[in-house]
């Protein structure tokens, strides 16, 4: 089963990086990520997938954008990744 990761993406963020975890209004955790790419023709989404794959040391094909293709808040399914892998790469969830 795939691990589901919620991400709040900031395109044109100046650099590719993680700004940490946060909670939405309902108390669900999401990861704040910025990428240098603009939100044009899926470039920011592609940069997000490449950044997460590199950070988690998994192939890009193991990451699927499940929801939020054009929204700032996205839901991704990560194959072969568990909660421990996410905590190791990005710190513990709140």
N, C-alpha and C. Protein backbone atom coordinates (compact mmCIF):
# COMPACT_ATOMS: atom_id res chain seq x y z
N UNK A 1 0.83 -1.19 0.00
CA UNK A 1 0.00 0.00 0.00
C UNK A 1 0.88 1.25 0.00
N UNK A 2 0.41 2.27 -0.67
CA UNK A 2 1.18 3.50 -0.81
C UNK A 2 0.95 4.42 0.39
N UNK A 3 1.99 5.12 0.76
CA UNK A 3 1.90 6.16 1.79
C UNK A 3 1.34 7.41 1.13
N UNK A 4 0.37 8.06 1.77
CA UNK A 4 -0.22 9.28 1.22
C UNK A 4 0.44 10.47 1.91
N UNK A 5 0.90 11.42 1.09
CA UNK A 5 1.56 12.62 1.61
C UNK A 5 0.84 13.84 1.08
N UNK A 6 0.42 14.71 1.99
CA UNK A 6 -0.17 15.99 1.60
C UNK A 6 0.95 17.02 1.55
N UNK A 7 0.96 17.82 0.47
CA UNK A 7 2.02 18.80 0.26
C UNK A 7 1.38 20.14 -0.10
N UNK A 8 1.88 21.20 0.50
CA UNK A 8 1.50 22.56 0.09
C UNK A 8 2.68 23.09 -0.70
N UNK A 9 2.49 23.25 -2.01
CA UNK A 9 3.57 23.60 -2.91
C UNK A 9 3.60 25.11 -3.17
N UNK A 10 4.80 25.68 -3.09
CA UNK A 10 5.02 27.08 -3.44
C UNK A 10 5.92 27.12 -4.66
N UNK A 11 5.35 27.36 -5.85
CA UNK A 11 6.18 27.49 -7.05
C UNK A 11 6.90 28.84 -7.06
N UNK A 12 7.95 28.93 -7.87
CA UNK A 12 8.78 30.14 -7.94
C UNK A 12 9.28 30.52 -6.55
N UNK A 13 9.65 29.52 -5.76
CA UNK A 13 10.09 29.76 -4.39
C UNK A 13 11.56 30.13 -4.28
N UNK A 14 12.25 30.31 -5.39
CA UNK A 14 13.64 30.71 -5.36
C UNK A 14 14.62 29.56 -5.29
N UNK A 15 14.20 28.47 -4.70
CA UNK A 15 15.04 27.27 -4.56
C UNK A 15 14.13 26.08 -4.32
N UNK A 16 14.69 24.87 -4.46
CA UNK A 16 13.94 23.67 -4.12
C UNK A 16 14.27 23.32 -2.67
N UNK A 17 13.25 23.16 -1.85
CA UNK A 17 13.50 22.83 -0.46
C UNK A 17 12.23 22.63 0.33
N UNK A 18 12.41 22.17 1.56
CA UNK A 18 11.30 21.92 2.47
C UNK A 18 11.28 23.00 3.54
N UNK A 19 10.11 23.53 3.81
CA UNK A 19 9.95 24.53 4.86
C UNK A 19 9.35 23.94 6.12
N UNK A 20 9.26 22.62 6.20
CA UNK A 20 8.77 21.94 7.40
C UNK A 20 7.32 21.49 7.29
N UNK A 21 6.83 20.99 8.39
CA UNK A 21 5.47 20.48 8.49
C UNK A 21 4.55 21.55 9.05
N UNK A 22 3.28 21.46 8.73
CA UNK A 22 2.25 22.34 9.29
C UNK A 22 0.95 21.54 9.39
N UNK A 23 -0.02 22.11 10.07
CA UNK A 23 -1.34 21.48 10.21
C UNK A 23 -2.38 22.35 9.54
N UNK A 24 -3.33 21.70 8.84
CA UNK A 24 -4.43 22.47 8.25
C UNK A 24 -5.49 22.74 9.30
N UNK A 25 -6.58 23.36 8.92
CA UNK A 25 -7.63 23.75 9.86
C UNK A 25 -8.26 22.55 10.56
N UNK A 26 -8.21 21.38 9.92
CA UNK A 26 -8.79 20.17 10.51
C UNK A 26 -7.76 19.36 11.30
N UNK A 27 -6.54 19.88 11.44
CA UNK A 27 -5.51 19.20 12.21
C UNK A 27 -4.74 18.14 11.43
N UNK A 28 -4.88 18.11 10.10
CA UNK A 28 -4.14 17.15 9.28
C UNK A 28 -2.78 17.73 8.91
N UNK A 29 -1.75 16.90 8.99
CA UNK A 29 -0.39 17.36 8.70
C UNK A 29 -0.16 17.44 7.20
N UNK A 30 0.58 18.46 6.78
CA UNK A 30 1.04 18.56 5.39
C UNK A 30 2.47 19.10 5.40
N UNK A 31 3.19 18.78 4.34
CA UNK A 31 4.57 19.20 4.19
C UNK A 31 4.62 20.44 3.31
N UNK A 32 5.32 21.48 3.76
CA UNK A 32 5.47 22.70 2.98
C UNK A 32 6.74 22.58 2.14
N UNK A 33 6.55 22.63 0.81
CA UNK A 33 7.67 22.47 -0.12
C UNK A 33 7.67 23.65 -1.08
N UNK A 34 8.87 24.16 -1.39
CA UNK A 34 9.01 25.21 -2.40
C UNK A 34 9.90 24.69 -3.52
N UNK A 35 9.57 25.10 -4.74
CA UNK A 35 10.39 24.75 -5.90
C UNK A 35 10.67 26.03 -6.68
N UNK A 36 11.77 26.04 -7.40
CA UNK A 36 12.14 27.21 -8.19
C UNK A 36 11.31 27.32 -9.47
N UNK A 37 10.77 26.22 -9.94
CA UNK A 37 10.04 26.19 -11.21
C UNK A 37 8.73 26.97 -11.12
N UNK A 38 8.32 27.57 -12.24
CA UNK A 38 7.03 28.28 -12.27
C UNK A 38 5.88 27.29 -12.44
N UNK A 39 4.67 27.72 -12.08
CA UNK A 39 3.50 26.84 -12.22
C UNK A 39 2.95 26.85 -13.64
N UNK A 40 3.78 26.53 -14.61
CA UNK A 40 3.40 26.58 -16.02
C UNK A 40 3.59 25.20 -16.64
N UNK A 41 2.57 24.71 -17.31
CA UNK A 41 2.63 23.43 -18.02
C UNK A 41 3.12 22.27 -17.15
N UNK A 42 2.77 22.29 -15.87
CA UNK A 42 3.14 21.18 -14.99
C UNK A 42 4.58 21.19 -14.53
N UNK A 43 5.31 22.28 -14.80
CA UNK A 43 6.74 22.33 -14.44
C UNK A 43 6.93 22.26 -12.93
N UNK A 44 6.09 22.94 -12.17
CA UNK A 44 6.23 22.92 -10.71
C UNK A 44 5.91 21.53 -10.15
N UNK A 45 4.90 20.87 -10.70
CA UNK A 45 4.58 19.51 -10.26
C UNK A 45 5.72 18.55 -10.57
N UNK A 46 6.31 18.68 -11.75
CA UNK A 46 7.44 17.82 -12.13
C UNK A 46 8.63 18.07 -11.21
N UNK A 47 8.87 19.34 -10.88
CA UNK A 47 9.97 19.66 -9.96
C UNK A 47 9.69 19.10 -8.57
N UNK A 48 8.43 19.14 -8.14
CA UNK A 48 8.06 18.57 -6.84
C UNK A 48 8.33 17.07 -6.81
N UNK A 49 7.90 16.36 -7.84
CA UNK A 49 8.12 14.91 -7.90
C UNK A 49 9.61 14.60 -7.91
N UNK A 50 10.38 15.33 -8.69
CA UNK A 50 11.83 15.10 -8.76
C UNK A 50 12.49 15.38 -7.41
N UNK A 51 12.07 16.45 -6.73
CA UNK A 51 12.64 16.79 -5.43
C UNK A 51 12.31 15.72 -4.39
N UNK A 52 11.05 15.28 -4.34
CA UNK A 52 10.66 14.25 -3.38
C UNK A 52 11.38 12.93 -3.65
N UNK A 53 11.50 12.56 -4.93
CA UNK A 53 12.19 11.32 -5.29
C UNK A 53 13.64 11.35 -4.83
N UNK A 54 14.29 12.48 -5.05
CA UNK A 54 15.69 12.62 -4.64
C UNK A 54 15.82 12.59 -3.12
N UNK A 55 14.93 13.30 -2.42
CA UNK A 55 14.98 13.37 -0.96
C UNK A 55 14.72 12.02 -0.32
N UNK A 56 13.80 11.24 -0.90
CA UNK A 56 13.41 9.95 -0.33
C UNK A 56 14.21 8.79 -0.92
N UNK A 57 15.05 9.11 -1.93
CA UNK A 57 15.87 8.08 -2.59
C UNK A 57 15.02 6.97 -3.20
N UNK A 58 13.98 7.39 -3.92
CA UNK A 58 13.11 6.47 -4.63
C UNK A 58 13.00 6.95 -6.08
N UNK A 59 12.60 6.07 -7.01
CA UNK A 59 12.44 6.53 -8.40
C UNK A 59 11.22 7.45 -8.54
N UNK A 60 11.29 8.36 -9.49
CA UNK A 60 10.15 9.26 -9.72
C UNK A 60 8.88 8.49 -10.06
N UNK A 61 9.03 7.32 -10.67
CA UNK A 61 7.87 6.51 -11.03
C UNK A 61 7.13 5.97 -9.82
N UNK A 62 7.74 6.04 -8.63
CA UNK A 62 7.09 5.57 -7.40
C UNK A 62 6.23 6.66 -6.77
N UNK A 63 6.16 7.83 -7.39
CA UNK A 63 5.37 8.95 -6.87
C UNK A 63 4.26 9.26 -7.85
N UNK A 64 3.02 9.29 -7.32
CA UNK A 64 1.86 9.59 -8.16
C UNK A 64 1.08 10.75 -7.56
N UNK A 65 0.79 11.74 -8.39
CA UNK A 65 -0.02 12.88 -7.96
C UNK A 65 -1.48 12.43 -7.96
N UNK A 66 -2.04 12.22 -6.78
CA UNK A 66 -3.39 11.68 -6.66
C UNK A 66 -4.46 12.77 -6.72
N UNK A 67 -4.14 13.98 -6.25
CA UNK A 67 -5.12 15.06 -6.24
C UNK A 67 -4.40 16.40 -6.18
N UNK A 68 -5.02 17.43 -6.76
CA UNK A 68 -4.50 18.78 -6.65
C UNK A 68 -3.54 19.19 -7.74
N UNK A 69 -3.73 18.68 -8.95
CA UNK A 69 -2.79 18.98 -10.02
C UNK A 69 -2.61 20.48 -10.24
N UNK A 70 -3.69 21.25 -10.15
CA UNK A 70 -3.59 22.70 -10.35
C UNK A 70 -3.75 23.47 -9.05
N UNK A 71 -3.94 22.80 -7.95
CA UNK A 71 -4.12 23.45 -6.65
C UNK A 71 -2.79 23.56 -5.93
N UNK A 72 -2.73 24.44 -4.95
CA UNK A 72 -1.52 24.58 -4.16
C UNK A 72 -1.35 23.38 -3.21
N UNK A 73 -2.47 22.88 -2.66
CA UNK A 73 -2.42 21.72 -1.77
C UNK A 73 -2.60 20.46 -2.62
N UNK A 74 -1.63 19.56 -2.52
CA UNK A 74 -1.62 18.36 -3.35
C UNK A 74 -1.58 17.12 -2.47
N UNK A 75 -2.09 16.02 -3.02
CA UNK A 75 -2.01 14.73 -2.34
C UNK A 75 -1.25 13.79 -3.24
N UNK A 76 -0.16 13.23 -2.70
CA UNK A 76 0.68 12.32 -3.48
C UNK A 76 0.68 10.95 -2.85
N UNK A 77 0.76 9.94 -3.69
CA UNK A 77 0.89 8.55 -3.22
C UNK A 77 2.33 8.12 -3.50
N UNK A 78 2.99 7.63 -2.45
CA UNK A 78 4.39 7.25 -2.54
C UNK A 78 4.51 5.74 -2.34
N UNK A 79 4.95 5.04 -3.37
CA UNK A 79 5.12 3.58 -3.29
C UNK A 79 6.45 3.25 -2.63
N UNK A 80 6.43 2.28 -1.74
CA UNK A 80 7.66 1.82 -1.10
C UNK A 80 8.20 2.77 -0.05
N UNK A 81 7.35 3.67 0.45
CA UNK A 81 7.76 4.63 1.46
C UNK A 81 6.83 4.49 2.66
N UNK A 82 7.41 4.51 3.85
CA UNK A 82 6.62 4.43 5.07
C UNK A 82 6.77 5.70 5.90
N UNK A 83 6.02 5.80 6.99
CA UNK A 83 6.11 6.98 7.86
C UNK A 83 7.53 7.22 8.38
N UNK A 84 8.28 6.14 8.64
CA UNK A 84 9.65 6.30 9.12
C UNK A 84 10.54 6.94 8.07
N UNK A 85 10.32 6.58 6.79
CA UNK A 85 11.11 7.17 5.70
C UNK A 85 10.83 8.68 5.59
N UNK A 86 9.56 9.06 5.73
CA UNK A 86 9.20 10.48 5.67
C UNK A 86 9.81 11.24 6.84
N UNK A 87 9.76 10.66 8.02
CA UNK A 87 10.34 11.31 9.21
C UNK A 87 11.85 11.46 9.06
N UNK A 88 12.50 10.46 8.50
CA UNK A 88 13.95 10.52 8.31
C UNK A 88 14.33 11.63 7.32
N UNK A 89 13.54 11.79 6.26
CA UNK A 89 13.87 12.76 5.22
C UNK A 89 13.44 14.19 5.60
N UNK A 90 12.29 14.34 6.27
CA UNK A 90 11.71 15.67 6.48
C UNK A 90 11.43 16.00 7.94
N UNK A 91 11.79 15.13 8.86
CA UNK A 91 11.50 15.36 10.27
C UNK A 91 10.16 14.77 10.65
N UNK A 92 9.91 14.62 11.94
CA UNK A 92 8.65 13.99 12.38
C UNK A 92 7.45 14.89 12.10
N UNK A 93 6.33 14.24 11.79
CA UNK A 93 5.08 14.99 11.58
C UNK A 93 4.62 15.57 12.91
N UNK A 94 3.93 16.70 12.86
CA UNK A 94 3.43 17.30 14.12
C UNK A 94 2.30 16.49 14.71
